[in-house]
Amino acid sequence: MSKTYDVTTGRVHFFGLAREVVRDGYAHLPRVLAVSFVWSVLAVTVVFAAPATAVAFAAARSTLMHESFRLRAAIRAFRRYFWRAQAAFVPAFVLVNAAGWLWLRAAATGDWLLGVLAFVAFDALVVYAYLLLYYGPLLVDEGLRQAVRMEGSSPPTALELGRASATIALSRVSVSVGLALFVTSMGILLAFTVAGFVLLAPVVLAATLLLAARYLAGEPAESAIHD
């Protein structure tokens, strides 16, 4: 059993996971601050929100692996993951807007059918959010390529990444729910101060998801963390 993952029971020790992330995050604090601030600026847009999130994952991966991640690397990651990140973001954007529009129409007209459809859209959004817990790490983490069944050395497509993230999320439902609640609680904790959320949350949460997804995808703990 590693400090963060029990191989026998398949249980992720979330607080151990957080300690690993915070330790490496503070060791590379300038990078964390810079990437998180840029993410907070770009995430308010529709077009740049998804690739900015992918860059946050790429920065988190480099932090965990103690690799260099400068401006040129950030720009390269932004361009490399732009379309595959959008492929995951567009369905979530559509579901959010559909649920909101249906609920507003139901409240205005009193039509119960629109209200039911709004709840269906929201439920679909929740399920899709579980899949996104693993899509981001699979997108940027070359150490997780084994989770995507494909031939050759070419980068996996958005469809292959989606299929792999669904496989991990659905095969580990209880862990997926626990991970979602844990990441949400960390976000709420950091969001108590606006500065804390803007400057720390994106990369810290991305690093947490990267580590958890590595374990759940079956990667040995020894290759996932540098002690």
Protein backbone atom coordinates (compact mmCIF):
# COMPACT_ATOMS: atom_id res chain seq x y z
CA MET A 1 0.00 0.00 0.00
CA SER A 2 1.36 3.42 -0.96
CA LYS A 3 0.72 6.58 1.00
CA THR A 4 -2.13 7.54 -1.29
CA TYR A 5 -3.52 4.34 -2.77
CA ASP A 6 -4.47 0.95 -1.32
CA VAL A 7 -3.85 -1.56 -4.09
CA THR A 8 -5.82 -4.30 -2.33
CA THR A 9 -9.07 -2.41 -1.79
CA GLY A 10 -8.77 0.12 -4.62
CA ARG A 11 -9.21 2.94 -2.10
CA VAL A 12 -7.66 6.35 -2.66
CA HIS A 13 -6.43 8.05 0.52
CA PHE A 14 -7.44 11.56 -0.39
CA PHE A 15 -5.69 13.37 2.44
CA GLY A 16 -2.43 11.63 1.61
CA LEU A 17 -3.04 12.66 -1.97
CA ALA A 18 -3.52 16.27 -0.87
CA ARG A 19 -0.27 16.22 1.12
CA GLU A 20 1.66 15.08 -1.95
CA VAL A 21 0.06 17.78 -4.10
CA VAL A 22 0.54 20.60 -1.60
CA ARG A 23 4.18 19.60 -1.00
CA ASP A 24 5.04 19.75 -4.71
CA GLY A 25 2.82 22.78 -5.26
CA TYR A 26 4.68 24.87 -2.69
CA ALA A 27 8.00 23.64 -4.04
CA HIS A 28 7.05 25.22 -7.39
CA LEU A 29 4.93 28.08 -6.07
CA PRO A 30 5.84 30.74 -8.70
CA ARG A 31 4.72 28.41 -11.50
CA VAL A 32 1.52 27.52 -9.66
CA LEU A 33 0.70 31.19 -9.11
CA ALA A 34 1.41 32.21 -12.70
CA VAL A 35 -0.53 29.37 -14.36
CA SER A 36 -3.47 29.66 -11.97
CA PHE A 37 -3.75 33.42 -12.51
CA VAL A 38 -3.68 33.03 -16.30
CA TRP A 39 -6.28 30.24 -16.06
CA SER A 40 -8.54 32.51 -14.00
CA VAL A 41 -8.35 35.19 -16.70
CA LEU A 42 -8.92 32.86 -19.66
CA ALA A 43 -11.57 30.68 -17.98
CA VAL A 44 -14.13 33.51 -18.04
CA THR A 45 -14.27 33.13 -21.82
CA VAL A 46 -16.10 30.39 -23.68
CA VAL A 47 -13.45 29.66 -26.32
CA PHE A 48 -10.37 29.61 -24.09
CA ALA A 49 -11.74 27.97 -20.94
CA ALA A 50 -11.13 24.37 -22.04
CA PRO A 51 -7.57 24.75 -23.43
CA ALA A 52 -6.64 26.91 -20.42
CA THR A 53 -7.76 24.05 -18.19
CA ALA A 54 -5.62 21.65 -20.23
CA VAL A 55 -2.62 23.95 -19.70
CA ALA A 56 -3.32 23.87 -15.94
CA PHE A 57 -3.22 20.06 -16.10
CA ALA A 58 0.02 20.18 -18.10
CA ALA A 59 1.56 22.54 -15.53
CA ALA A 60 0.38 20.29 -12.69
CA ARG A 61 1.95 17.28 -14.37
CA SER A 62 5.28 19.06 -14.80
CA THR A 63 5.13 20.11 -11.13
CA LEU A 64 4.54 16.55 -9.93
CA MET A 65 7.30 15.21 -12.19
CA HIS A 66 9.70 18.06 -11.26
CA GLU A 67 10.05 19.09 -14.89
CA SER A 68 10.55 22.55 -16.38
CA PHE A 69 7.42 24.39 -17.52
CA ARG A 70 8.05 27.86 -18.93
CA LEU A 71 6.05 30.22 -21.13
CA ARG A 72 7.03 28.45 -24.33
CA ALA A 73 5.91 25.10 -22.89
CA ALA A 74 2.59 26.64 -21.81
CA ILE A 75 1.95 28.04 -25.30
CA ARG A 76 2.87 24.69 -26.87
CA ALA A 77 0.47 22.87 -24.53
CA PHE A 78 -2.28 25.39 -25.29
CA ARG A 79 -1.94 24.78 -29.02
CA ARG A 80 -1.50 21.01 -28.71
CA TYR A 81 -4.56 20.36 -26.54
CA PHE A 82 -6.83 23.10 -27.92
CA TRP A 83 -9.21 21.01 -30.03
CA ARG A 84 -9.23 17.85 -27.91
CA ALA A 85 -10.00 19.96 -24.84
CA GLN A 86 -12.83 21.67 -26.73
CA ALA A 87 -14.26 18.28 -27.67
CA ALA A 88 -14.78 17.55 -23.98
CA PHE A 89 -15.92 21.07 -23.09
CA VAL A 90 -18.64 21.52 -25.74
CA PRO A 91 -21.02 18.80 -24.42
CA ALA A 92 -20.73 20.21 -20.89
CA PHE A 93 -21.42 23.73 -22.20
CA VAL A 94 -24.47 22.49 -24.13
CA LEU A 95 -25.84 20.62 -21.10
CA VAL A 96 -25.38 23.64 -18.80
CA ASN A 97 -27.20 25.91 -21.21
CA ALA A 98 -29.93 23.37 -21.91
CA ALA A 99 -30.61 22.80 -18.21
CA GLY A 100 -30.64 26.54 -17.49
CA TRP A 101 -32.89 27.43 -20.43
CA LEU A 102 -35.36 24.63 -19.70
CA TRP A 103 -35.56 25.57 -16.02
CA LEU A 104 -36.14 29.26 -16.79
CA ARG A 105 -38.84 28.38 -19.34
CA ALA A 106 -40.48 25.98 -16.87
CA ALA A 107 -40.49 28.67 -14.16
CA ALA A 108 -41.96 31.23 -16.57
CA THR A 109 -44.64 29.02 -18.15
CA GLY A 110 -45.35 26.52 -15.38
CA ASP A 111 -44.91 23.66 -17.85
CA TRP A 112 -44.02 20.55 -15.81
CA LEU A 113 -42.55 18.76 -18.84
CA LEU A 114 -39.92 21.47 -19.29
CA GLY A 115 -39.07 21.15 -15.59
CA VAL A 116 -38.59 17.39 -15.95
CA LEU A 117 -36.38 17.91 -19.00
CA ALA A 118 -34.33 20.46 -17.06
CA PHE A 119 -33.67 17.88 -14.33
CA VAL A 120 -32.77 15.27 -16.95
CA ALA A 121 -30.26 17.67 -18.52
CA PHE A 122 -28.81 18.43 -15.09
CA ASP A 123 -28.49 14.73 -14.23
CA ALA A 124 -26.73 14.13 -17.54
CA LEU A 125 -24.37 17.00 -16.67
CA VAL A 126 -23.51 15.39 -13.32
CA VAL A 127 -22.71 12.05 -14.99
CA TYR A 128 -20.65 13.81 -17.64
CA ALA A 129 -18.73 15.69 -14.93
CA TYR A 130 -17.62 12.33 -13.50
CA LEU A 131 -16.16 11.43 -16.87
CA LEU A 132 -14.31 14.75 -17.03
CA LEU A 133 -12.56 13.89 -13.75
CA TYR A 134 -10.45 11.48 -15.78
CA TYR A 135 -10.53 13.02 -19.25
CA GLY A 136 -8.25 15.89 -18.23
CA PRO A 137 -5.48 13.69 -16.77
CA LEU A 138 -5.72 11.28 -19.72
CA LEU A 139 -5.48 14.23 -22.10
CA VAL A 140 -2.14 15.57 -20.90
CA ASP A 141 -0.44 12.75 -18.99
CA GLU A 142 1.70 10.57 -21.25
CA GLY A 143 2.18 8.20 -18.31
CA LEU A 144 -1.47 7.19 -18.70
CA ARG A 145 -1.32 6.19 -22.36
CA GLN A 146 -1.68 2.55 -21.28
CA ALA A 147 -5.26 3.34 -20.22
CA VAL A 148 -6.13 4.12 -23.84
CA ARG A 149 -6.21 1.01 -25.99
CA MET A 150 -4.78 2.01 -29.34
CA GLU A 151 -2.15 0.99 -31.87
CA GLY A 152 0.92 2.96 -32.82
CA SER A 153 2.48 5.96 -31.12
CA SER A 154 0.18 8.71 -32.39
CA PRO A 155 -1.64 10.83 -29.76
CA PRO A 156 -5.04 9.43 -28.76
CA THR A 157 -8.11 11.03 -30.27
CA ALA A 158 -10.79 12.78 -28.22
CA LEU A 159 -13.06 9.74 -28.77
CA GLU A 160 -10.41 7.34 -27.44
CA LEU A 161 -9.78 9.58 -24.44
CA GLY A 162 -13.51 9.80 -23.76
CA ARG A 163 -13.90 6.04 -23.93
CA ALA A 164 -10.98 5.51 -21.55
CA SER A 165 -12.26 8.11 -19.06
CA ALA A 166 -15.71 6.50 -19.11
CA THR A 167 -14.17 3.08 -18.47
CA ILE A 168 -12.23 4.32 -15.44
CA ALA A 169 -15.10 6.39 -14.02
CA LEU A 170 -17.75 3.68 -14.41
CA SER A 171 -15.53 0.89 -13.14
CA ARG A 172 -14.72 2.91 -10.01
CA VAL A 173 -18.05 4.56 -9.27
CA SER A 174 -17.62 4.86 -5.50
CA VAL A 175 -14.08 6.24 -5.86
CA SER A 176 -15.25 8.63 -8.56
CA VAL A 177 -17.95 10.03 -6.28
CA GLY A 178 -15.46 10.33 -3.42
CA LEU A 179 -12.94 12.06 -5.65
CA ALA A 180 -15.56 14.51 -6.90
CA LEU A 181 -16.59 15.41 -3.36
CA PHE A 182 -12.97 15.72 -2.24
CA VAL A 183 -11.99 18.03 -5.10
CA THR A 184 -15.14 20.09 -4.53
CA SER A 185 -14.31 20.46 -0.84
CA MET A 186 -10.77 21.59 -1.70
CA GLY A 187 -12.14 24.14 -4.13
CA ILE A 188 -14.58 25.47 -1.53
CA LEU A 189 -11.80 25.68 1.04
CA LEU A 190 -9.57 27.70 -1.28
CA ALA A 191 -12.51 29.81 -2.44
CA PHE A 192 -13.01 31.23 1.07
CA THR A 193 -10.58 33.88 -0.13
CA VAL A 194 -10.79 35.14 -3.69
CA ALA A 195 -7.01 35.40 -3.94
CA GLY A 196 -6.56 31.86 -2.67
CA PHE A 197 -8.89 30.46 -5.31
CA VAL A 198 -7.45 32.51 -8.16
CA LEU A 199 -3.82 31.85 -7.33
CA LEU A 200 -3.80 28.26 -6.07
CA ALA A 201 -6.93 26.26 -6.88
CA PRO A 202 -6.59 25.48 -10.63
CA VAL A 203 -3.16 23.82 -10.53
CA VAL A 204 -3.62 22.26 -7.08
CA LEU A 205 -6.92 20.64 -8.08
CA ALA A 206 -5.50 19.56 -11.44
CA ALA A 207 -2.54 17.91 -9.70
CA THR A 208 -4.91 16.08 -7.34
CA LEU A 209 -6.88 14.70 -10.27
CA LEU A 210 -3.69 13.71 -12.09
CA LEU A 211 -2.44 11.66 -9.17
CA ALA A 212 -5.80 10.02 -8.50
CA ALA A 213 -6.36 9.15 -12.15
CA ARG A 214 -2.90 7.58 -12.37
CA TYR A 215 -3.67 5.19 -9.55
CA LEU A 216 -7.16 4.36 -10.79
CA ALA A 217 -5.83 3.68 -14.28
CA GLY A 218 -3.46 1.12 -12.80
CA GLU A 219 -0.14 2.93 -13.06
CA PRO A 220 2.31 1.77 -10.35
CA ALA A 221 2.64 4.26 -7.51
CA GLU A 222 6.45 4.20 -7.74
CA SER A 223 6.34 5.79 -11.21
CA ALA A 224 3.68 8.31 -10.30
CA ILE A 225 5.32 10.18 -7.44
CA HIS A 226 8.84 11.40 -6.85
CA ASP A 227 9.65 11.12 -3.17
